[in-house]
Amino acid sequence: MNQKLIDDINEKLKAVMAQSPAADLERNLRAMLGAAFARLDLVSREEFDIQREVLARTRARLAELEKQVAALEAAASTPERR
């Protein structure tokens, strides 16, 4: 019974807050901040993490290719024996 009373009060408070000027202020502030962040050209954390993984794979591949080039250069500079 006590929990039901608390739930009822909570629902009534939500209804009052939804109709109050504070709700309009919050919506306007969120819209304003959203527009400001959109102009800042920010990326999401998920997008940042994905790009970090791509960069790590690219660096690893570059290191492999550098080793292959070094091996080919070493083989090319060694005189052939017949």
N, C-alpha and C. Protein backbone atom coordinates (compact mmCIF):
# COMPACT_ATOMS: atom_id res chain seq x y z
N MET A 1 0.83 -1.19 0.00
CA MET A 1 0.00 0.00 0.00
C MET A 1 0.87 1.24 0.00
N ASN A 2 1.93 1.24 0.77
CA ASN A 2 2.83 2.38 0.87
C ASN A 2 3.52 2.65 -0.47
N GLN A 3 3.94 1.59 -1.19
CA GLN A 3 4.60 1.74 -2.48
C GLN A 3 3.63 2.33 -3.51
N LYS A 4 2.37 1.93 -3.43
CA LYS A 4 1.37 2.46 -4.36
C LYS A 4 1.19 3.95 -4.16
N LEU A 5 1.19 4.40 -2.94
CA LEU A 5 1.07 5.82 -2.64
C LEU A 5 2.26 6.60 -3.20
N ILE A 6 3.44 6.04 -3.04
CA ILE A 6 4.65 6.70 -3.56
C ILE A 6 4.60 6.75 -5.09
N ASP A 7 4.16 5.67 -5.71
CA ASP A 7 4.05 5.65 -7.17
C ASP A 7 3.02 6.66 -7.67
N ASP A 8 1.92 6.77 -6.99
CA ASP A 8 0.89 7.76 -7.37
C ASP A 8 1.43 9.18 -7.26
N ILE A 9 2.12 9.47 -6.18
CA ILE A 9 2.70 10.80 -5.99
C ILE A 9 3.72 11.08 -7.09
N ASN A 10 4.52 10.09 -7.38
CA ASN A 10 5.54 10.24 -8.43
C ASN A 10 4.89 10.54 -9.78
N GLU A 11 3.84 9.82 -10.13
CA GLU A 11 3.14 10.06 -11.39
C GLU A 11 2.53 11.46 -11.44
N LYS A 12 1.94 11.89 -10.33
CA LYS A 12 1.35 13.23 -10.29
C LYS A 12 2.42 14.31 -10.43
N LEU A 13 3.56 14.10 -9.80
CA LEU A 13 4.66 15.06 -9.92
C LEU A 13 5.19 15.12 -11.35
N LYS A 14 5.28 13.97 -12.00
CA LYS A 14 5.72 13.94 -13.40
C LYS A 14 4.75 14.71 -14.28
N ALA A 15 3.45 14.53 -14.03
CA ALA A 15 2.44 15.23 -14.83
C ALA A 15 2.53 16.74 -14.63
N VAL A 16 2.72 17.16 -13.38
CA VAL A 16 2.83 18.59 -13.09
C VAL A 16 4.08 19.17 -13.75
N MET A 17 5.20 18.45 -13.65
CA MET A 17 6.46 18.94 -14.23
C MET A 17 6.38 19.01 -15.75
N ALA A 18 5.66 18.07 -16.36
CA ALA A 18 5.53 18.07 -17.81
C ALA A 18 4.77 19.28 -18.31
N GLN A 19 3.89 19.83 -17.48
CA GLN A 19 3.08 20.98 -17.88
C GLN A 19 3.66 22.31 -17.38
N SER A 20 4.74 22.26 -16.64
CA SER A 20 5.28 23.48 -16.07
C SER A 20 6.23 24.18 -17.05
N PRO A 21 6.51 25.44 -16.81
CA PRO A 21 7.47 26.16 -17.65
C PRO A 21 8.87 25.54 -17.58
N ALA A 22 9.18 24.83 -16.51
CA ALA A 22 10.48 24.19 -16.38
C ALA A 22 10.69 23.16 -17.50
N ALA A 23 9.63 22.46 -17.89
CA ALA A 23 9.74 21.48 -18.97
C ALA A 23 10.05 22.18 -20.29
N ASP A 24 9.40 23.30 -20.54
CA ASP A 24 9.69 24.07 -21.76
C ASP A 24 11.12 24.57 -21.75
N LEU A 25 11.55 25.04 -20.59
CA LEU A 25 12.91 25.53 -20.46
C LEU A 25 13.91 24.42 -20.73
N GLU A 26 13.64 23.24 -20.19
CA GLU A 26 14.54 22.11 -20.40
C GLU A 26 14.59 21.72 -21.88
N ARG A 27 13.43 21.66 -22.54
CA ARG A 27 13.40 21.32 -23.97
C ARG A 27 14.17 22.34 -24.79
N ASN A 28 13.95 23.62 -24.49
CA ASN A 28 14.64 24.67 -25.23
C ASN A 28 16.15 24.61 -25.00
N LEU A 29 16.54 24.37 -23.77
CA LEU A 29 17.96 24.28 -23.46
C LEU A 29 18.60 23.08 -24.16
N ARG A 30 17.91 21.96 -24.17
CA ARG A 30 18.44 20.78 -24.86
C ARG A 30 18.59 21.05 -26.36
N ALA A 31 17.60 21.69 -26.95
CA ALA A 31 17.67 22.01 -28.38
C ALA A 31 18.82 22.96 -28.67
N MET A 32 19.00 23.96 -27.82
CA MET A 32 20.07 24.93 -28.00
C MET A 32 21.44 24.25 -27.86
N LEU A 33 21.59 23.41 -26.85
CA LEU A 33 22.86 22.70 -26.67
C LEU A 33 23.12 21.73 -27.82
N GLY A 34 22.07 21.07 -28.28
CA GLY A 34 22.22 20.15 -29.41
C GLY A 34 22.70 20.87 -30.65
N ALA A 35 22.15 22.03 -30.91
CA ALA A 35 22.57 22.81 -32.07
C ALA A 35 24.01 23.28 -31.91
N ALA A 36 24.37 23.71 -30.71
CA ALA A 36 25.75 24.17 -30.47
C ALA A 36 26.73 23.03 -30.65
N PHE A 37 26.41 21.85 -30.14
CA PHE A 37 27.31 20.70 -30.29
C PHE A 37 27.41 20.26 -31.75
N ALA A 38 26.33 20.38 -32.50
CA ALA A 38 26.36 20.00 -33.91
C ALA A 38 27.31 20.91 -34.68
N ARG A 39 27.37 22.17 -34.33
CA ARG A 39 28.29 23.10 -35.00
C ARG A 39 29.74 22.85 -34.62
N LEU A 40 29.98 22.23 -33.47
CA LEU A 40 31.35 21.99 -33.02
C LEU A 40 32.02 20.83 -33.75
N ASP A 41 31.27 20.11 -34.55
CA ASP A 41 31.82 19.01 -35.32
C ASP A 41 32.42 17.93 -34.41
N LEU A 42 31.68 17.55 -33.38
CA LEU A 42 32.11 16.53 -32.43
C LEU A 42 31.75 15.15 -32.96
N VAL A 43 32.44 14.13 -32.46
CA VAL A 43 32.12 12.75 -32.81
C VAL A 43 31.66 12.02 -31.55
N SER A 44 30.90 10.99 -31.75
CA SER A 44 30.44 10.20 -30.62
C SER A 44 31.57 9.31 -30.11
N ARG A 45 31.43 8.83 -28.91
CA ARG A 45 32.44 7.95 -28.32
C ARG A 45 32.55 6.67 -29.14
N GLU A 46 31.41 6.16 -29.61
CA GLU A 46 31.41 4.94 -30.41
C GLU A 46 32.20 5.15 -31.71
N GLU A 47 31.95 6.28 -32.38
CA GLU A 47 32.66 6.57 -33.62
C GLU A 47 34.17 6.74 -33.36
N PHE A 48 34.51 7.39 -32.24
CA PHE A 48 35.92 7.57 -31.88
C PHE A 48 36.59 6.21 -31.66
N ASP A 49 35.93 5.31 -30.93
CA ASP A 49 36.49 3.99 -30.65
C ASP A 49 36.68 3.19 -31.94
N ILE A 50 35.73 3.28 -32.85
CA ILE A 50 35.84 2.58 -34.13
C ILE A 50 37.04 3.09 -34.91
N GLN A 51 37.19 4.41 -34.97
CA GLN A 51 38.32 4.98 -35.70
C GLN A 51 39.66 4.63 -35.05
N ARG A 52 39.67 4.53 -33.74
CA ARG A 52 40.90 4.14 -33.04
C ARG A 52 41.28 2.70 -33.41
N GLU A 53 40.29 1.81 -33.50
CA GLU A 53 40.57 0.43 -33.90
C GLU A 53 41.07 0.37 -35.34
N VAL A 54 40.47 1.16 -36.23
CA VAL A 54 40.91 1.19 -37.62
C VAL A 54 42.35 1.68 -37.69
N LEU A 55 42.68 2.71 -36.93
CA LEU A 55 44.04 3.23 -36.92
C LEU A 55 45.03 2.20 -36.39
N ALA A 56 44.66 1.46 -35.36
CA ALA A 56 45.55 0.43 -34.82
C ALA A 56 45.82 -0.66 -35.86
N ARG A 57 44.77 -1.08 -36.58
CA ARG A 57 44.97 -2.09 -37.63
C ARG A 57 45.83 -1.54 -38.75
N THR A 58 45.63 -0.29 -39.10
CA THR A 58 46.42 0.34 -40.17
C THR A 58 47.88 0.43 -39.77
N ARG A 59 48.15 0.79 -38.53
CA ARG A 59 49.53 0.86 -38.06
C ARG A 59 50.20 -0.51 -38.08
N ALA A 60 49.47 -1.54 -37.68
CA ALA A 60 50.01 -2.89 -37.69
C ALA A 60 50.33 -3.33 -39.12
N ARG A 61 49.43 -3.03 -40.04
CA ARG A 61 49.65 -3.38 -41.45
C ARG A 61 50.84 -2.62 -42.01
N LEU A 62 50.98 -1.35 -41.66
CA LEU A 62 52.10 -0.54 -42.11
C LEU A 62 53.42 -1.13 -41.61
N ALA A 63 53.44 -1.57 -40.36
CA ALA A 63 54.65 -2.18 -39.81
C ALA A 63 55.01 -3.45 -40.59
N GLU A 64 54.02 -4.26 -40.95
CA GLU A 64 54.27 -5.47 -41.74
C GLU A 64 54.84 -5.11 -43.10
N LEU A 65 54.25 -4.12 -43.74
CA LEU A 65 54.71 -3.72 -45.07
C LEU A 65 56.13 -3.15 -45.02
N GLU A 66 56.44 -2.40 -43.97
CA GLU A 66 57.79 -1.86 -43.82
C GLU A 66 58.81 -2.99 -43.70
N LYS A 67 58.46 -4.05 -42.96
CA LYS A 67 59.36 -5.20 -42.85
C LYS A 67 59.56 -5.88 -44.20
N GLN A 68 58.47 -6.02 -44.96
CA GLN A 68 58.57 -6.65 -46.28
C GLN A 68 59.44 -5.81 -47.22
N VAL A 69 59.26 -4.50 -47.19
CA VAL A 69 60.07 -3.62 -48.04
C VAL A 69 61.54 -3.71 -47.64
N ALA A 70 61.82 -3.71 -46.34
CA ALA A 70 63.20 -3.82 -45.88
C ALA A 70 63.82 -5.14 -46.34
N ALA A 71 63.06 -6.23 -46.27
CA ALA A 71 63.56 -7.53 -46.72
C ALA A 71 63.82 -7.53 -48.22
N LEU A 72 62.93 -6.93 -48.99
CA LEU A 72 63.12 -6.85 -50.44
C LEU A 72 64.32 -5.98 -50.79
N GLU A 73 64.50 -4.87 -50.07
CA GLU A 73 65.65 -4.01 -50.32
C GLU A 73 66.94 -4.73 -49.99
N ALA A 74 66.94 -5.48 -48.91
CA ALA A 74 68.13 -6.23 -48.53
C ALA A 74 68.44 -7.30 -49.56
N ALA A 75 67.42 -7.96 -50.06
CA ALA A 75 67.62 -8.99 -51.09
C ALA A 75 68.10 -8.36 -52.39
N ALA A 76 67.62 -7.19 -52.71
CA ALA A 76 68.00 -6.54 -53.97
C ALA A 76 69.44 -6.01 -53.89
N SER A 77 69.90 -5.65 -52.73
CA SER A 77 71.25 -5.10 -52.61
C SER A 77 72.32 -6.18 -52.49
N THR A 78 71.91 -7.42 -52.23
CA THR A 78 72.85 -8.52 -52.13
C THR A 78 73.20 -9.00 -53.54
N PRO A 79 74.52 -9.07 -53.86
CA PRO A 79 74.89 -9.54 -55.21
C PRO A 79 74.51 -11.00 -55.43
N GLU A 80 74.08 -11.30 -56.65
CA GLU A 80 73.69 -12.66 -56.97
C GLU A 80 74.94 -13.51 -57.17
N ARG A 81 74.85 -14.76 -56.71
CA ARG A 81 75.94 -15.71 -56.90
C ARG A 81 75.53 -16.76 -57.91
N ARG A 82 76.43 -17.06 -58.83
CA ARG A 82 76.10 -18.08 -59.85
C ARG A 82 77.10 -19.17 -59.82
